Amino acid sequence: MHVTTFHQLKRYYAQYKDVEITFTREVIQSTALLQNQIYLKCLGDQWSCIIYSLSMREAKVIAKLNESFFKKLQDANRLVSLRLSFRQSGKADPLSFFITAKITAFEPYRQDRLDLKLFRLSYINLPPDDLIQILGSLIEANSNYKKRKEERIPINNESIQKLGLRSKEAEFLVQEVPRKIILRNISFSGGKMFVFGVGKYLVHKEVELRIQKEYSGEIFKLKGTIIRFEPVEGRRGFTAIVIKFCEDKIPIGYKLMISEYFNQVKKTKKYH
């Protein structure tokens, strides 16, 4: 592993080891967790389970388990292996690994479904580097979002490459009607772009900005409001508009992209 990546993983673990991430539908999507390939394994047998939350030291899973499992769990002194699997972009095979853990507690998950249990697992050893990277990136993206919410990234050839965007061209929907735009700058919280037409008629309208990634083809759908417009010198017929995103609707994947850009810039400055 490259030395800078090794230090980054050490930093992630030192800073974020106790931060618990609840695996909502959006987190599952952004991490590419393969829900149908998650298992608890004990003394040679395995049982399907659902990830409720993960940290770098513990996991909480939901499972419907029979007496056979609890007998094996008793024989194994509550030791199990948790199998996690994540889809890898551009690769046919998923990223899969086991984490050895001890079940420290369990309780009914729902009062109307007493057969479902919520299990708390404490890892025996450090988790795999891949898990530290996945969780650390998520946590840091939220941290960077709070610290650098308004910091603008100018869109040029260099930033397009670092961001992994398809191009500076994108589109937004106004009242369900798509319009082509040219990205001028973006941030965690909003962006400025050029659009053909009279911008004053767009102010205060709700929009959905759509930005596409180059390699994965993923499209980020960013809901927001046009808060102002500006004339564009030297570009006849074009207006610059500024969009402020709805904070509670910003996709996690978009936050990860912006956060990773700032990390790359930080590394570049460090080694120059």
C-alpha atoms as a PDB file:
ATOM      1  CA  MET A   1       0.000   0.000   0.000  1.00  0.00           C
ATOM      2  CA  HIS A   2       1.278   3.456  -0.894  1.00  0.00           C
ATOM      3  CA  VAL A   3       2.722   5.306   2.089  1.00  0.00           C
ATOM      4  CA  THR A   4       0.343   8.262   1.768  1.00  0.00           C
ATOM      5  CA  THR A   5      -2.644   5.914   1.706  1.00  0.00           C
ATOM      6  CA  PHE A   6      -1.257   4.118   4.758  1.00  0.00           C
ATOM      7  CA  HIS A   7      -1.010   7.401   6.665  1.00  0.00           C
ATOM      8  CA  GLN A   8      -4.473   8.400   5.530  1.00  0.00           C
ATOM      9  CA  LEU A   9      -5.905   5.130   6.859  1.00  0.00           C
ATOM     10  CA  LYS A  10      -4.089   5.634  10.168  1.00  0.00           C
ATOM     11  CA  ARG A  11      -5.576   9.108  10.408  1.00  0.00           C
ATOM     12  CA  TYR A  12      -9.049   7.861   9.569  1.00  0.00           C
ATOM     13  CA  TYR A  13      -8.883   5.243  12.308  1.00  0.00           C
ATOM     14  CA  ALA A  14      -7.407   7.598  14.902  1.00  0.00           C
ATOM     15  CA  GLN A  15     -10.014  10.309  14.268  1.00  0.00           C
ATOM     16  CA  TYR A  16     -13.138   8.355  13.390  1.00  0.00           C
ATOM     17  CA  LYS A  17     -12.874   4.872  14.944  1.00  0.00           C
ATOM     18  CA  ASP A  18     -15.892   5.370  17.217  1.00  0.00           C
ATOM     19  CA  VAL A  19     -18.145   7.177  14.738  1.00  0.00           C
ATOM     20  CA  GLU A  20     -21.170   5.016  13.922  1.00  0.00           C
ATOM     21  CA  ILE A  21     -22.765   5.221  10.463  1.00  0.00           C
ATOM     22  CA  THR A  22     -26.365   4.074  10.099  1.00  0.00           C
ATOM     23  CA  PHE A  23     -26.836   2.299   6.786  1.00  0.00           C
ATOM     24  CA  THR A  24     -29.792   4.126   5.301  1.00  0.00           C
ATOM     25  CA  ARG A  25     -30.842   3.475   1.713  1.00  0.00           C
ATOM     26  CA  GLU A  26     -28.681   6.390   0.528  1.00  0.00           C
ATOM     27  CA  VAL A  27     -25.592   5.181   2.432  1.00  0.00           C
ATOM     28  CA  ILE A  28     -26.090   1.677   1.018  1.00  0.00           C
ATOM     29  CA  GLN A  29     -26.259   3.140  -2.470  1.00  0.00           C
ATOM     30  CA  SER A  30     -23.225   5.414  -2.076  1.00  0.00           C
ATOM     31  CA  THR A  31     -21.044   2.650  -0.574  1.00  0.00           C
ATOM     32  CA  ALA A  32     -22.323   0.066  -3.115  1.00  0.00           C
ATOM     33  CA  LEU A  33     -23.022  -2.409  -0.296  1.00  0.00           C
ATOM     34  CA  LEU A  34     -24.372  -5.692  -1.706  1.00  0.00           C
ATOM     35  CA  GLN A  35     -27.163  -6.445   0.738  1.00  0.00           C
ATOM     36  CA  ASN A  36     -27.793  -9.958  -0.555  1.00  0.00           C
ATOM     37  CA  GLN A  37     -24.187 -10.965   0.158  1.00  0.00           C
ATOM     38  CA  ILE A  38     -23.988 -10.113   3.871  1.00  0.00           C
ATOM     39  CA  TYR A  39     -23.646 -13.052   6.274  1.00  0.00           C
ATOM     40  CA  LEU A  40     -22.886 -14.023   9.834  1.00  0.00           C
ATOM     41  CA  LYS A  41     -20.683 -17.108   9.936  1.00  0.00           C
ATOM     42  CA  CYS A  42     -20.242 -19.345  12.968  1.00  0.00           C
ATOM     43  CA  LEU A  43     -18.528 -22.754  13.160  1.00  0.00           C
ATOM     44  CA  GLY A  44     -18.816 -23.455   9.451  1.00  0.00           C
ATOM     45  CA  ASP A  45     -22.422 -22.331   8.900  1.00  0.00           C
ATOM     46  CA  GLN A  46     -23.637 -18.952   7.705  1.00  0.00           C
ATOM     47  CA  TRP A  47     -26.848 -16.931   8.030  1.00  0.00           C
ATOM     48  CA  SER A  48     -28.031 -13.913   6.046  1.00  0.00           C
ATOM     49  CA  CYS A  49     -28.244 -10.610   7.889  1.00  0.00           C
ATOM     50  CA  ILE A  50     -28.848  -6.906   7.290  1.00  0.00           C
ATOM     51  CA  ILE A  51     -26.410  -4.155   8.222  1.00  0.00           C
ATOM     52  CA  TYR A  52     -28.013  -1.650  10.592  1.00  0.00           C
ATOM     53  CA  SER A  53     -24.849   0.362  11.326  1.00  0.00           C
ATOM     54  CA  LEU A  54     -21.069   0.132  11.121  1.00  0.00           C
ATOM     55  CA  SER A  55     -18.133   1.806  12.791  1.00  0.00           C
ATOM     56  CA  MET A  56     -14.443   0.915  12.702  1.00  0.00           C
ATOM     57  CA  ARG A  57     -14.814  -0.959  15.987  1.00  0.00           C
ATOM     58  CA  GLU A  58     -18.351  -2.325  16.054  1.00  0.00           C
ATOM     59  CA  ALA A  59     -21.249  -3.426  13.876  1.00  0.00           C
ATOM     60  CA  LYS A  60     -24.977  -3.773  14.427  1.00  0.00           C
ATOM     61  CA  VAL A  61     -26.821  -6.280  12.277  1.00  0.00           C
ATOM     62  CA  ILE A  62     -30.410  -7.463  12.016  1.00  0.00           C
ATOM     63  CA  ALA A  63     -31.095 -11.167  11.502  1.00  0.00           C
ATOM     64  CA  LYS A  64     -33.771 -13.820  11.820  1.00  0.00           C
ATOM     65  CA  LEU A  65     -31.927 -16.736  13.391  1.00  0.00           C
ATOM     66  CA  ASN A  66     -32.952 -20.181  14.595  1.00  0.00           C
ATOM     67  CA  GLU A  67     -31.974 -22.327  17.573  1.00  0.00           C
ATOM     68  CA  SER A  68     -29.155 -23.880  15.562  1.00  0.00           C
ATOM     69  CA  PHE A  69     -27.399 -20.528  15.375  1.00  0.00           C
ATOM     70  CA  PHE A  70     -27.680 -19.839  19.104  1.00  0.00           C
ATOM     71  CA  LYS A  71     -26.368 -23.340  19.885  1.00  0.00           C
ATOM     72  CA  LYS A  72     -23.343 -22.771  17.662  1.00  0.00           C
ATOM     73  CA  LEU A  73     -22.909 -19.280  19.107  1.00  0.00           C
ATOM     74  CA  GLN A  74     -22.748 -20.752  22.589  1.00  0.00           C
ATOM     75  CA  ASP A  75     -20.235 -23.398  21.479  1.00  0.00           C
ATOM     76  CA  ALA A  76     -18.099 -20.685  19.796  1.00  0.00           C
ATOM     77  CA  ASN A  77     -18.116 -18.472  22.908  1.00  0.00           C
ATOM     78  CA  ARG A  78     -20.080 -15.855  20.909  1.00  0.00           C
ATOM     79  CA  LEU A  79     -17.364 -15.523  18.261  1.00  0.00           C
ATOM     80  CA  VAL A  80     -18.565 -14.985  14.679  1.00  0.00           C
ATOM     81  CA  SER A  81     -17.321 -13.714  11.332  1.00  0.00           C
ATOM     82  CA  LEU A  82     -19.201 -10.921   9.587  1.00  0.00           C
ATOM     83  CA  ARG A  83     -18.961 -11.080   5.804  1.00  0.00           C
ATOM     84  CA  LEU A  84     -19.277  -7.753   3.989  1.00  0.00           C
ATOM     85  CA  SER A  85     -19.419  -7.292   0.232  1.00  0.00           C
ATOM     86  CA  PHE A  86     -19.294  -4.141  -1.900  1.00  0.00           C
ATOM     87  CA  ARG A  87     -19.698  -3.642  -5.635  1.00  0.00           C
ATOM     88  CA  GLN A  88     -16.555  -2.328  -7.352  1.00  0.00           C
ATOM     89  CA  SER A  89     -16.876   0.162 -10.183  1.00  0.00           C
ATOM     90  CA  GLY A  90     -15.601  -1.283 -13.455  1.00  0.00           C
ATOM     91  CA  LYS A  91     -14.998  -4.753 -11.990  1.00  0.00           C
ATOM     92  CA  ALA A  92     -17.078  -7.900 -12.243  1.00  0.00           C
ATOM     93  CA  ASP A  93     -16.070  -9.291  -8.866  1.00  0.00           C
ATOM     94  CA  PRO A  94     -17.189  -7.558  -5.661  1.00  0.00           C
ATOM     95  CA  LEU A  95     -14.905  -6.493  -2.830  1.00  0.00           C
ATOM     96  CA  SER A  96     -15.567  -9.011  -0.042  1.00  0.00           C
ATOM     97  CA  PHE A  97     -13.962  -9.636   3.338  1.00  0.00           C
ATOM     98  CA  PHE A  98     -14.623 -11.132   6.766  1.00  0.00           C
ATOM     99  CA  ILE A  99     -14.391  -9.397  10.139  1.00  0.00           C
ATOM    100  CA  THR A 100     -13.911 -11.552  13.232  1.00  0.00           C
ATOM    101  CA  ALA A 101     -16.103 -10.269  16.054  1.00  0.00           C
ATOM    102  CA  LYS A 102     -17.782 -11.176  19.308  1.00  0.00           C
ATOM    103  CA  ILE A 103     -21.504 -10.751  19.837  1.00  0.00           C
ATOM    104  CA  THR A 104     -21.734  -8.619  22.958  1.00  0.00           C
ATOM    105  CA  ALA A 105     -25.501  -8.038  23.045  1.00  0.00           C
ATOM    106  CA  PHE A 106     -28.730  -8.716  21.214  1.00  0.00           C
ATOM    107  CA  GLU A 107     -32.334  -7.660  21.602  1.00  0.00           C
ATOM    108  CA  PRO A 108     -35.623  -7.747  19.653  1.00  0.00           C
ATOM    109  CA  TYR A 109     -35.465  -5.408  16.683  1.00  0.00           C
ATOM    110  CA  ARG A 110     -39.234  -4.816  16.563  1.00  0.00           C
ATOM    111  CA  GLN A 111     -41.863  -5.589  19.158  1.00  0.00           C
ATOM    112  CA  ASP A 112     -44.193  -6.915  16.474  1.00  0.00           C
ATOM    113  CA  ARG A 113     -41.468  -9.177  15.048  1.00  0.00           C
ATOM    114  CA  LEU A 114     -39.821 -10.907  17.990  1.00  0.00           C
ATOM    115  CA  ASP A 115     -38.112 -13.334  15.610  1.00  0.00           C
ATOM    116  CA  LEU A 116     -35.940 -10.444  14.324  1.00  0.00           C
ATOM    117  CA  LYS A 117     -32.954  -9.605  16.528  1.00  0.00           C
ATOM    118  CA  LEU A 118     -30.555  -6.652  16.552  1.00  0.00           C
ATOM    119  CA  PHE A 119     -27.047  -7.949  17.299  1.00  0.00           C
ATOM    120  CA  ARG A 120     -24.127  -5.861  18.487  1.00  0.00           C
ATOM    121  CA  LEU A 121     -20.723  -7.105  17.326  1.00  0.00           C
ATOM    122  CA  SER A 122     -17.375  -5.915  18.699  1.00  0.00           C
ATOM    123  CA  TYR A 123     -14.424  -6.536  16.376  1.00  0.00           C
ATOM    124  CA  ILE A 124     -11.627  -8.703  17.758  1.00  0.00           C
ATOM    125  CA  ASN A 125      -8.936  -7.028  15.628  1.00  0.00           C
ATOM    126  CA  LEU A 126      -8.546  -3.925  13.485  1.00  0.00           C
ATOM    127  CA  PRO A 127     -11.026  -4.027  10.590  1.00  0.00           C
ATOM    128  CA  PRO A 128      -9.717  -4.461   7.018  1.00  0.00           C
ATOM    129  CA  ASP A 129      -8.199  -1.391   5.391  1.00  0.00           C
ATOM    130  CA  ASP A 130     -11.009  -1.394   2.839  1.00  0.00           C
ATOM    131  CA  LEU A 131     -13.628  -0.859   5.547  1.00  0.00           C
ATOM    132  CA  ILE A 132     -11.567   1.912   7.162  1.00  0.00           C
ATOM    133  CA  GLN A 133     -11.320   3.586   3.746  1.00  0.00           C
ATOM    134  CA  ILE A 134     -15.064   3.298   3.023  1.00  0.00           C
ATOM    135  CA  LEU A 135     -16.220   4.554   6.421  1.00  0.00           C
ATOM    136  CA  GLY A 136     -13.444   7.139   6.758  1.00  0.00           C
ATOM    137  CA  SER A 137     -14.288   8.692   3.379  1.00  0.00           C
ATOM    138  CA  LEU A 138     -17.958   8.972   4.337  1.00  0.00           C
ATOM    139  CA  ILE A 139     -17.269  10.543   7.716  1.00  0.00           C
ATOM    140  CA  GLU A 140     -14.680  12.931   6.306  1.00  0.00           C
ATOM    141  CA  ALA A 141     -17.062  14.010   3.537  1.00  0.00           C
ATOM    142  CA  ASN A 142     -19.584  15.127   6.157  1.00  0.00           C
ATOM    143  CA  SER A 143     -16.815  16.823   8.143  1.00  0.00           C
ATOM    144  CA  ASN A 144     -15.527  18.671   5.081  1.00  0.00           C
ATOM    145  CA  TYR A 145     -19.083  19.636   4.200  1.00  0.00           C
ATOM    146  CA  LYS A 146     -19.453  21.446   7.521  1.00  0.00           C
ATOM    147  CA  LYS A 147     -16.039  23.120   7.323  1.00  0.00           C
ATOM    148  CA  ARG A 148     -15.929  24.048   3.621  1.00  0.00           C
ATOM    149  CA  LYS A 149     -19.588  24.325   2.684  1.00  0.00           C
ATOM    150  CA  GLU A 150     -19.242  27.570   0.735  1.00  0.00           C
ATOM    151  CA  GLU A 151     -15.771  27.082  -0.774  1.00  0.00           C
ATOM    152  CA  ARG A 152     -16.037  27.247  -4.556  1.00  0.00           C
ATOM    153  CA  ILE A 153     -14.253  24.950  -6.996  1.00  0.00           C
ATOM    154  CA  PRO A 154     -13.630  26.628 -10.373  1.00  0.00           C
ATOM    155  CA  ILE A 155     -14.541  24.280 -13.217  1.00  0.00           C
ATOM    156  CA  ASN A 156     -11.643  23.872 -15.642  1.00  0.00           C
ATOM    157  CA  ASN A 157      -9.803  20.964 -17.274  1.00  0.00           C
ATOM    158  CA  GLU A 158      -7.792  20.226 -14.123  1.00  0.00           C
ATOM    159  CA  SER A 159     -10.723  20.283 -11.721  1.00  0.00           C
ATOM    160  CA  ILE A 160     -12.892  18.236 -14.098  1.00  0.00           C
ATOM    161  CA  GLN A 161     -10.247  15.518 -13.994  1.00  0.00           C
ATOM    162  CA  LYS A 162      -9.880  15.635 -10.197  1.00  0.00           C
ATOM    163  CA  LEU A 163     -13.648  15.620  -9.697  1.00  0.00           C
ATOM    164  CA  GLY A 164     -14.084  12.819 -12.212  1.00  0.00           C
ATOM    165  CA  LEU A 165     -16.763  14.689 -14.137  1.00  0.00           C
ATOM    166  CA  ARG A 166     -17.726  13.897 -17.720  1.00  0.00           C
ATOM    167  CA  SER A 167     -17.423  17.549 -18.777  1.00  0.00           C
ATOM    168  CA  LYS A 168     -18.244  21.098 -17.737  1.00  0.00           C
ATOM    169  CA  GLU A 169     -21.569  20.740 -19.511  1.00  0.00           C
ATOM    170  CA  ALA A 170     -24.608  19.658 -17.498  1.00  0.00           C
ATOM    171  CA  GLU A 171     -28.328  20.308 -17.354  1.00  0.00           C
ATOM    172  CA  PHE A 172     -30.969  21.440 -14.926  1.00  0.00           C
ATOM    173  CA  LEU A 173     -34.715  21.072 -14.822  1.00  0.00           C
ATOM    174  CA  VAL A 174     -37.006  24.037 -14.295  1.00  0.00           C
ATOM    175  CA  GLN A 175     -40.640  23.006 -13.883  1.00  0.00           C
ATOM    176  CA  GLU A 176     -39.680  19.600 -15.344  1.00  0.00           C
ATOM    177  CA  VAL A 177     -38.226  21.231 -18.485  1.00  0.00           C
ATOM    178  CA  PRO A 178     -34.516  20.360 -19.070  1.00  0.00           C
ATOM    179  CA  ARG A 179     -32.077  23.113 -20.041  1.00  0.00           C
ATOM    180  CA  LYS A 180     -28.404  22.818 -20.962  1.00  0.00           C
ATOM    181  CA  ILE A 181     -25.900  24.748 -18.850  1.00  0.00           C
ATOM    182  CA  ILE A 182     -22.127  25.236 -18.516  1.00  0.00           C
ATOM    183  CA  LEU A 183     -20.690  24.813 -15.036  1.00  0.00           C
ATOM    184  CA  ARG A 184     -18.641  27.798 -13.857  1.00  0.00           C
ATOM    185  CA  ASN A 185     -17.989  26.705 -10.257  1.00  0.00           C
ATOM    186  CA  ILE A 186     -19.470  24.317  -7.725  1.00  0.00           C
ATOM    187  CA  SER A 187     -19.301  23.755  -3.977  1.00  0.00           C
ATOM    188  CA  PHE A 188     -20.892  21.516  -1.355  1.00  0.00           C
ATOM    189  CA  SER A 189     -23.772  23.974  -1.050  1.00  0.00           C
ATOM    190  CA  GLY A 190     -24.364  25.311  -4.545  1.00  0.00           C
ATOM    191  CA  GLY A 191     -22.882  26.504  -7.803  1.00  0.00           C
ATOM    192  CA  LYS A 192     -22.691  29.096 -10.544  1.00  0.00           C
ATOM    193  CA  MET A 193     -23.398  28.253 -14.164  1.00  0.00           C
ATOM    194  CA  PHE A 194     -24.003  29.826 -17.547  1.00  0.00           C
ATOM    195  CA  VAL A 195     -27.385  29.372 -19.195  1.00  0.00           C
ATOM    196  CA  PHE A 196     -28.666  30.727 -22.492  1.00  0.00           C
ATOM    197  CA  GLY A 197     -31.528  33.142 -21.994  1.00  0.00           C
ATOM    198  CA  VAL A 198     -32.740  35.812 -19.628  1.00  0.00           C
ATOM    199  CA  GLY A 199     -31.784  34.882 -16.086  1.00  0.00           C
ATOM    200  CA  LYS A 200     -34.111  37.261 -14.237  1.00  0.00           C
ATOM    201  CA  TYR A 201     -37.081  35.074 -15.132  1.00  0.00           C
ATOM    202  CA  LEU A 202     -35.434  32.107 -13.412  1.00  0.00           C
ATOM    203  CA  VAL A 203     -34.700  33.725 -10.040  1.00  0.00           C
ATOM    204  CA  HIS A 204     -36.433  32.099  -7.058  1.00  0.00           C
ATOM    205  CA  LYS A 205     -37.494  29.103  -9.125  1.00  0.00           C
ATOM    206  CA  GLU A 206     -36.899  25.594  -7.791  1.00  0.00           C
ATOM    207  CA  VAL A 207     -34.601  23.513  -9.982  1.00  0.00           C
ATOM    208  CA  GLU A 208     -32.839  20.173 -10.161  1.00  0.00           C
ATOM    209  CA  LEU A 209     -29.217  20.318 -11.314  1.00  0.00           C
ATOM    210  CA  ARG A 210     -27.882  17.099 -12.880  1.00  0.00           C
ATOM    211  CA  ILE A 211     -24.128  16.438 -12.955  1.00  0.00           C
ATOM    212  CA  GLN A 212     -22.677  13.243 -14.418  1.00  0.00           C
ATOM    213  CA  LYS A 213     -19.529  11.339 -13.416  1.00  0.00           C
ATOM    214  CA  GLU A 214     -17.222  10.192 -16.192  1.00  0.00           C
ATOM    215  CA  TYR A 215     -16.336   6.571 -15.421  1.00  0.00           C
ATOM    216  CA  SER A 216     -19.290   5.301 -13.406  1.00  0.00           C
ATOM    217  CA  GLY A 217     -21.888   7.273 -15.355  1.00  0.00           C
ATOM    218  CA  GLU A 218     -23.536   8.156 -12.028  1.00  0.00           C
ATOM    219  CA  ILE A 219     -25.763  11.224 -12.189  1.00  0.00           C
ATOM    220  CA  PHE A 220     -26.078  13.453  -9.126  1.00  0.00           C
ATOM    221  CA  LYS A 221     -29.494  15.082  -8.851  1.00  0.00           C
ATOM    222  CA  LEU A 222     -29.170  18.264  -6.798  1.00  0.00           C
ATOM    223  CA  LYS A 223     -32.366  20.027  -5.838  1.00  0.00           C
ATOM    224  CA  GLY A 224     -32.138  23.733  -5.085  1.00  0.00           C
ATOM    225  CA  THR A 225     -33.292  27.262  -5.779  1.00  0.00           C
ATOM    226  CA  ILE A 226     -31.911  29.919  -8.142  1.00  0.00           C
ATOM    227  CA  ILE A 227     -31.037  32.788  -5.791  1.00  0.00           C
ATOM    228  CA  ARG A 228     -29.627  35.363  -8.222  1.00  0.00           C
ATOM    229  CA  PHE A 229     -28.437  36.053 -11.773  1.00  0.00           C
ATOM    230  CA  GLU A 230     -25.567  38.071 -13.262  1.00  0.00           C
ATOM    231  CA  PRO A 231     -24.729  39.264 -16.791  1.00  0.00           C
ATOM    232  CA  VAL A 232     -21.903  37.404 -18.560  1.00  0.00           C
ATOM    233  CA  GLU A 233     -19.391  39.715 -20.172  1.00  0.00           C
ATOM    234  CA  GLY A 234     -18.328  38.624 -23.641  1.00  0.00           C
ATOM    235  CA  ARG A 235     -20.905  35.837 -23.971  1.00  0.00           C
ATOM    236  CA  ARG A 236     -23.892  37.271 -25.761  1.00  0.00           C
ATOM    237  CA  GLY A 237     -27.202  35.663 -24.893  1.00  0.00           C
ATOM    238  CA  PHE A 238     -25.858  33.954 -21.795  1.00  0.00           C
ATOM    239  CA  THR A 239     -26.688  34.661 -18.166  1.00  0.00           C
ATOM    240  CA  ALA A 240     -24.879  33.447 -15.050  1.00  0.00           C
ATOM    241  CA  ILE A 241     -27.207  31.980 -12.450  1.00  0.00           C
ATOM    242  CA  VAL A 242     -26.410  30.905  -8.896  1.00  0.00           C
ATOM    243  CA  ILE A 243     -28.106  27.869  -7.364  1.00  0.00           C
ATOM    244  CA  LYS A 244     -28.292  27.142  -3.639  1.00  0.00           C
ATOM    245  CA  PHE A 245     -28.844  23.448  -2.923  1.00  0.00           C
ATOM    246  CA  CYS A 246     -31.397  22.110  -0.446  1.00  0.00           C
ATOM    247  CA  GLU A 247     -29.130  21.003   2.392  1.00  0.00           C
ATOM    248  CA  ASP A 248     -31.162  17.991   3.425  1.00  0.00           C
ATOM    249  CA  LYS A 249     -31.299  16.652  -0.150  1.00  0.00           C
ATOM    250  CA  ILE A 250     -27.624  16.770  -1.160  1.00  0.00           C
ATOM    251  CA  PRO A 251     -26.613  13.229  -2.241  1.00  0.00           C
ATOM    252  CA  ILE A 252     -23.887  11.552  -0.200  1.00  0.00           C
ATOM    253  CA  GLY A 253     -22.103  10.629  -3.423  1.00  0.00           C
ATOM    254  CA  TYR A 254     -21.858  14.304  -4.348  1.00  0.00           C
ATOM    255  CA  LYS A 255     -20.400  15.139  -0.929  1.00  0.00           C
ATOM    256  CA  LEU A 256     -17.856  12.339  -1.389  1.00  0.00           C
ATOM    257  CA  MET A 257     -16.827  13.738  -4.783  1.00  0.00           C
ATOM    258  CA  ILE A 258     -16.285  17.283  -3.458  1.00  0.00           C
ATOM    259  CA  SER A 259     -14.491  16.016  -0.348  1.00  0.00           C
ATOM    260  CA  GLU A 260     -12.148  13.840  -2.418  1.00  0.00           C
ATOM    261  CA  TYR A 261     -11.322  16.829  -4.622  1.00  0.00           C
ATOM    262  CA  PHE A 262     -10.242  18.877  -1.595  1.00  0.00           C
ATOM    263  CA  ASN A 263      -8.156  15.922  -0.346  1.00  0.00           C
ATOM    264  CA  GLN A 264      -6.393  15.667  -3.716  1.00  0.00           C
ATOM    265  CA  VAL A 265      -5.652  19.394  -3.756  1.00  0.00           C
ATOM    266  CA  LYS A 266      -4.290  19.148  -0.208  1.00  0.00           C
ATOM    267  CA  LYS A 267      -1.959  16.286  -1.221  1.00  0.00           C
ATOM    268  CA  THR A 268      -0.774  18.169  -4.314  1.00  0.00           C
ATOM    269  CA  LYS A 269       0.140  21.236  -2.238  1.00  0.00           C
ATOM    270  CA  LYS A 270       1.886  19.055   0.349  1.00  0.00           C
ATOM    271  CA  TYR A 271       4.248  17.503  -2.191  1.00  0.00           C
ATOM    272  CA  HIS A 272       5.102  20.689  -4.107  1.00  0.00           C
END
